[in-house]
Amino acid sequence: MPTYEYECVSCHYTFEEFQNINDKPLQKCPKCHGKLRRLISGGAGFIFKGSGFYATDYKKSQLPVASEKKSKALAKKPDAPTSIDKPPVTSSKKPGDVKK
């Protein structure tokens, strides 16, 4: 059963009410008997923490053979340095200078 949050229009008293989903919304404030409005809330979220949820219940035991080959190829480092590894070339010459 969901928990609904209400606010009184008159006295601004807010409270939560545990109701069946088929129940009609409450109409009167329990403090001043003023008019209520039901607030929109995000609901109660929960997070699975700790070990055991993924590792034992949903994890596949082995990767397919094609995926293993592909992941090994991606993990391999290149043998030759790339242009990123090379330092930038700087020159003190100006355009038009002639080598003597």
N, C-alpha and C. Protein backbone atom coordinates (compact mmCIF):
# COMPACT_ATOMS: atom_id res chain seq x y z
N MET A 1 0.84 -1.18 0.00
CA MET A 1 0.00 0.00 0.00
C MET A 1 0.88 1.24 0.00
N PRO A 2 0.51 2.23 -0.80
CA PRO A 2 1.33 3.44 -0.90
C PRO A 2 1.10 4.40 0.27
N THR A 3 2.07 5.27 0.44
CA THR A 3 1.99 6.33 1.44
C THR A 3 1.79 7.64 0.68
N TYR A 4 0.74 8.37 1.04
CA TYR A 4 0.43 9.64 0.39
C TYR A 4 0.77 10.79 1.34
N GLU A 5 1.20 11.90 0.74
CA GLU A 5 1.53 13.08 1.52
C GLU A 5 0.45 14.14 1.29
N TYR A 6 -0.03 14.73 2.38
CA TYR A 6 -1.09 15.74 2.32
C TYR A 6 -0.61 17.04 2.96
N GLU A 7 -1.20 18.15 2.50
CA GLU A 7 -0.95 19.46 3.11
C GLU A 7 -2.27 20.19 3.26
N CYS A 8 -2.45 20.82 4.42
CA CYS A 8 -3.65 21.60 4.67
C CYS A 8 -3.49 22.96 4.00
N VAL A 9 -4.56 23.39 3.30
CA VAL A 9 -4.54 24.67 2.62
C VAL A 9 -4.59 25.82 3.64
N SER A 10 -5.27 25.61 4.78
CA SER A 10 -5.45 26.66 5.78
C SER A 10 -4.24 26.83 6.70
N CYS A 11 -3.85 25.75 7.37
CA CYS A 11 -2.79 25.85 8.39
C CYS A 11 -1.43 25.34 7.91
N HIS A 12 -1.35 24.83 6.69
CA HIS A 12 -0.11 24.33 6.08
C HIS A 12 0.51 23.15 6.83
N TYR A 13 -0.31 22.42 7.57
CA TYR A 13 0.14 21.20 8.25
C TYR A 13 0.35 20.12 7.20
N THR A 14 1.51 19.48 7.21
CA THR A 14 1.79 18.39 6.27
C THR A 14 1.94 17.09 7.03
N PHE A 15 1.44 16.02 6.44
CA PHE A 15 1.54 14.70 7.05
C PHE A 15 1.44 13.64 5.98
N GLU A 16 1.79 12.43 6.35
CA GLU A 16 1.72 11.30 5.44
C GLU A 16 0.63 10.36 5.91
N GLU A 17 -0.04 9.74 4.96
CA GLU A 17 -1.10 8.80 5.28
C GLU A 17 -0.89 7.53 4.48
N PHE A 18 -0.91 6.40 5.17
CA PHE A 18 -0.75 5.08 4.56
C PHE A 18 -2.15 4.61 4.14
N GLN A 19 -2.41 4.59 2.82
CA GLN A 19 -3.73 4.26 2.30
C GLN A 19 -3.66 3.22 1.20
N ASN A 20 -4.78 2.55 1.02
CA ASN A 20 -4.93 1.63 -0.10
C ASN A 20 -5.01 2.47 -1.38
N ILE A 21 -4.56 1.94 -2.49
CA ILE A 21 -4.55 2.68 -3.74
C ILE A 21 -5.97 3.00 -4.22
N ASN A 22 -6.96 2.23 -3.81
CA ASN A 22 -8.35 2.44 -4.21
C ASN A 22 -9.10 3.39 -3.28
N ASP A 23 -8.53 3.78 -2.15
CA ASP A 23 -9.19 4.69 -1.21
C ASP A 23 -9.29 6.08 -1.81
N LYS A 24 -10.34 6.80 -1.42
CA LYS A 24 -10.51 8.19 -1.86
C LYS A 24 -9.55 9.07 -1.08
N PRO A 25 -9.06 10.16 -1.69
CA PRO A 25 -8.17 11.07 -0.98
C PRO A 25 -8.86 11.69 0.23
N LEU A 26 -8.06 11.97 1.26
CA LEU A 26 -8.61 12.61 2.46
C LEU A 26 -9.06 14.02 2.13
N GLN A 27 -10.08 14.51 2.83
CA GLN A 27 -10.65 15.82 2.54
C GLN A 27 -10.40 16.85 3.64
N LYS A 28 -10.35 16.41 4.94
CA LYS A 28 -10.26 17.36 6.05
C LYS A 28 -8.96 17.19 6.83
N CYS A 29 -8.39 18.32 7.22
CA CYS A 29 -7.16 18.34 8.02
C CYS A 29 -7.44 17.78 9.40
N PRO A 30 -6.58 16.91 9.92
CA PRO A 30 -6.81 16.37 11.27
C PRO A 30 -6.61 17.41 12.38
N LYS A 31 -5.95 18.53 12.11
CA LYS A 31 -5.71 19.55 13.13
C LYS A 31 -6.79 20.64 13.12
N CYS A 32 -7.05 21.26 11.95
CA CYS A 32 -7.97 22.40 11.91
C CYS A 32 -9.24 22.12 11.11
N HIS A 33 -9.36 20.93 10.55
CA HIS A 33 -10.49 20.50 9.73
C HIS A 33 -10.64 21.34 8.46
N GLY A 34 -9.54 21.96 8.02
CA GLY A 34 -9.53 22.70 6.77
C GLY A 34 -9.40 21.77 5.58
N LYS A 35 -9.39 22.33 4.39
CA LYS A 35 -9.32 21.56 3.16
C LYS A 35 -7.89 21.06 2.94
N LEU A 36 -7.76 19.81 2.48
CA LEU A 36 -6.45 19.20 2.21
C LEU A 36 -6.21 19.12 0.71
N ARG A 37 -4.94 19.11 0.37
CA ARG A 37 -4.56 18.78 -0.99
C ARG A 37 -3.48 17.71 -0.92
N ARG A 38 -3.57 16.76 -1.84
CA ARG A 38 -2.60 15.68 -1.87
C ARG A 38 -1.40 16.14 -2.68
N LEU A 39 -0.20 15.98 -2.12
CA LEU A 39 1.03 16.42 -2.76
C LEU A 39 1.59 15.31 -3.64
N ILE A 40 2.30 15.71 -4.65
CA ILE A 40 2.99 14.74 -5.51
C ILE A 40 4.34 14.48 -4.88
N SER A 41 4.64 13.22 -4.67
CA SER A 41 5.93 12.88 -4.08
C SER A 41 6.64 11.88 -4.96
N GLY A 42 7.94 11.80 -4.75
CA GLY A 42 8.77 10.89 -5.55
C GLY A 42 8.66 9.45 -5.12
N GLY A 43 8.03 9.20 -4.00
CA GLY A 43 7.93 7.84 -3.52
C GLY A 43 9.18 7.43 -2.77
N ALA A 44 9.17 6.25 -2.27
CA ALA A 44 10.32 5.74 -1.51
C ALA A 44 11.18 4.91 -2.44
N GLY A 45 12.41 5.33 -2.62
CA GLY A 45 13.34 4.57 -3.43
C GLY A 45 14.21 3.69 -2.55
N PHE A 46 14.73 2.65 -3.10
CA PHE A 46 15.64 1.81 -2.34
C PHE A 46 16.78 1.36 -3.24
N ILE A 47 17.90 1.08 -2.60
CA ILE A 47 19.11 0.71 -3.32
C ILE A 47 19.60 -0.62 -2.76
N PHE A 48 19.95 -1.53 -3.65
CA PHE A 48 20.55 -2.78 -3.21
C PHE A 48 22.01 -2.51 -2.88
N LYS A 49 22.40 -2.79 -1.65
CA LYS A 49 23.80 -2.60 -1.26
C LYS A 49 24.38 -3.92 -0.79
N GLY A 50 25.68 -4.00 -0.88
CA GLY A 50 26.36 -5.20 -0.40
C GLY A 50 26.63 -6.16 -1.53
N SER A 51 27.34 -7.20 -1.21
CA SER A 51 27.69 -8.18 -2.23
C SER A 51 26.58 -9.22 -2.34
N GLY A 52 26.54 -9.86 -3.47
CA GLY A 52 25.61 -10.96 -3.62
C GLY A 52 24.49 -10.71 -4.61
N PHE A 53 24.09 -9.47 -4.85
CA PHE A 53 22.96 -9.25 -5.74
C PHE A 53 23.33 -9.54 -7.18
N TYR A 54 24.41 -8.91 -7.66
CA TYR A 54 24.80 -9.13 -9.05
C TYR A 54 25.67 -10.36 -9.20
N ALA A 55 26.65 -10.48 -8.35
CA ALA A 55 27.67 -11.52 -8.52
C ALA A 55 27.08 -12.92 -8.47
N THR A 56 26.12 -13.15 -7.63
CA THR A 56 25.61 -14.51 -7.49
C THR A 56 24.31 -14.75 -8.23
N ASP A 57 23.55 -13.71 -8.51
CA ASP A 57 22.24 -13.92 -9.09
C ASP A 57 22.16 -13.69 -10.59
N TYR A 58 22.86 -12.67 -11.09
CA TYR A 58 22.65 -12.27 -12.47
C TYR A 58 23.89 -12.35 -13.35
N LYS A 59 25.04 -12.52 -12.79
CA LYS A 59 26.28 -12.51 -13.56
C LYS A 59 26.38 -13.77 -14.41
N LYS A 60 26.80 -13.60 -15.67
CA LYS A 60 27.03 -14.75 -16.54
C LYS A 60 28.34 -15.40 -16.14
N SER A 61 28.38 -16.72 -16.23
CA SER A 61 29.58 -17.43 -15.77
C SER A 61 30.77 -17.23 -16.69
N GLN A 62 30.56 -17.17 -18.02
CA GLN A 62 31.67 -17.00 -18.96
C GLN A 62 31.26 -16.04 -20.07
N LEU A 63 32.25 -15.34 -20.60
CA LEU A 63 32.02 -14.49 -21.75
C LEU A 63 32.06 -15.34 -23.01
N PRO A 64 31.36 -14.95 -24.04
CA PRO A 64 31.47 -15.68 -25.31
C PRO A 64 32.90 -15.58 -25.85
N VAL A 65 33.31 -16.56 -26.63
CA VAL A 65 34.67 -16.64 -27.15
C VAL A 65 35.01 -15.41 -28.00
N ALA A 66 34.10 -14.94 -28.84
CA ALA A 66 34.36 -13.79 -29.71
C ALA A 66 34.63 -12.55 -28.87
N SER A 67 33.93 -12.37 -27.79
CA SER A 67 34.12 -11.19 -26.94
C SER A 67 35.48 -11.24 -26.25
N GLU A 68 35.94 -12.43 -25.88
CA GLU A 68 37.24 -12.55 -25.23
C GLU A 68 38.36 -12.13 -26.19
N LYS A 69 38.28 -12.56 -27.45
CA LYS A 69 39.30 -12.19 -28.43
C LYS A 69 39.29 -10.68 -28.67
N LYS A 70 38.10 -10.11 -28.76
CA LYS A 70 37.99 -8.68 -29.02
C LYS A 70 38.54 -7.88 -27.84
N SER A 71 38.23 -8.29 -26.61
CA SER A 71 38.71 -7.54 -25.44
C SER A 71 40.22 -7.67 -25.30
N LYS A 72 40.81 -8.81 -25.68
CA LYS A 72 42.26 -8.96 -25.62
C LYS A 72 42.93 -8.07 -26.65
N ALA A 73 42.34 -7.95 -27.85
CA ALA A 73 42.91 -7.10 -28.89
C ALA A 73 42.86 -5.63 -28.48
N LEU A 74 41.81 -5.23 -27.80
CA LEU A 74 41.69 -3.84 -27.35
C LEU A 74 42.65 -3.55 -26.21
N ALA A 75 42.96 -4.54 -25.40
CA ALA A 75 43.83 -4.34 -24.25
C ALA A 75 45.31 -4.28 -24.65
N LYS A 76 45.66 -4.79 -25.84
CA LYS A 76 47.05 -4.81 -26.29
C LYS A 76 47.53 -3.40 -26.57
N LYS A 77 48.74 -3.06 -26.10
CA LYS A 77 49.32 -1.74 -26.32
C LYS A 77 50.03 -1.71 -27.67
N PRO A 78 50.03 -0.57 -28.35
CA PRO A 78 50.75 -0.48 -29.64
C PRO A 78 52.26 -0.54 -29.40
N ASP A 79 52.98 -1.12 -30.38
CA ASP A 79 54.43 -1.27 -30.26
C ASP A 79 55.17 0.04 -30.55
N ALA A 80 54.75 0.75 -31.56
CA ALA A 80 55.43 1.99 -31.95
C ALA A 80 54.75 3.18 -31.29
N PRO A 81 55.55 4.20 -30.97
CA PRO A 81 54.93 5.39 -30.37
C PRO A 81 54.04 6.09 -31.39
N THR A 82 53.02 6.68 -30.89
CA THR A 82 52.09 7.40 -31.76
C THR A 82 52.46 8.87 -31.79
N SER A 83 51.80 9.62 -32.63
CA SER A 83 52.09 11.06 -32.74
C SER A 83 51.75 11.79 -31.44
N ILE A 84 50.90 11.22 -30.63
CA ILE A 84 50.56 11.84 -29.34
C ILE A 84 51.75 11.77 -28.39
N ASP A 85 52.54 10.70 -28.50
CA ASP A 85 53.68 10.51 -27.61
C ASP A 85 54.87 11.40 -27.97
N LYS A 86 54.94 11.89 -29.20
CA LYS A 86 56.08 12.69 -29.66
C LYS A 86 55.95 14.13 -29.19
N PRO A 87 57.08 14.75 -28.79
CA PRO A 87 57.00 16.15 -28.38
C PRO A 87 56.80 17.04 -29.60
N PRO A 88 56.18 18.20 -29.42
CA PRO A 88 55.98 19.08 -30.57
C PRO A 88 57.30 19.64 -31.08
N VAL A 89 57.38 19.83 -32.38
CA VAL A 89 58.59 20.36 -33.02
C VAL A 89 58.48 21.87 -33.04
N THR A 90 59.53 22.53 -32.52
CA THR A 90 59.55 23.99 -32.53
C THR A 90 60.75 24.45 -33.34
N SER A 91 60.61 25.56 -33.99
CA SER A 91 61.69 26.07 -34.83
C SER A 91 61.84 27.56 -34.57
N SER A 92 63.09 28.00 -34.55
CA SER A 92 63.35 29.43 -34.36
C SER A 92 63.46 30.15 -35.70
N LYS A 93 63.38 29.38 -36.80
CA LYS A 93 63.49 29.97 -38.12
C LYS A 93 62.18 30.67 -38.48
N LYS A 94 62.33 31.72 -39.24
CA LYS A 94 61.17 32.46 -39.74
C LYS A 94 60.92 32.04 -41.17
N PRO A 95 59.72 32.17 -41.65
CA PRO A 95 59.46 31.84 -43.05
C PRO A 95 60.32 32.72 -43.96
N GLY A 96 60.94 32.15 -44.94
CA GLY A 96 61.77 32.89 -45.86
C GLY A 96 63.25 32.82 -45.52
N ASP A 97 63.61 32.32 -44.31
CA ASP A 97 65.02 32.18 -43.96
C ASP A 97 65.64 31.09 -44.84
N VAL A 98 66.85 31.33 -45.30
CA VAL A 98 67.54 30.38 -46.16
C VAL A 98 68.67 29.77 -45.37
N LYS A 99 68.81 28.46 -45.51
CA LYS A 99 69.88 27.75 -44.82
C LYS A 99 71.21 28.03 -45.51
N LYS A 100 72.27 28.40 -44.77
CA LYS A 100 73.57 28.72 -45.34
C LYS A 100 74.50 27.57 -45.26
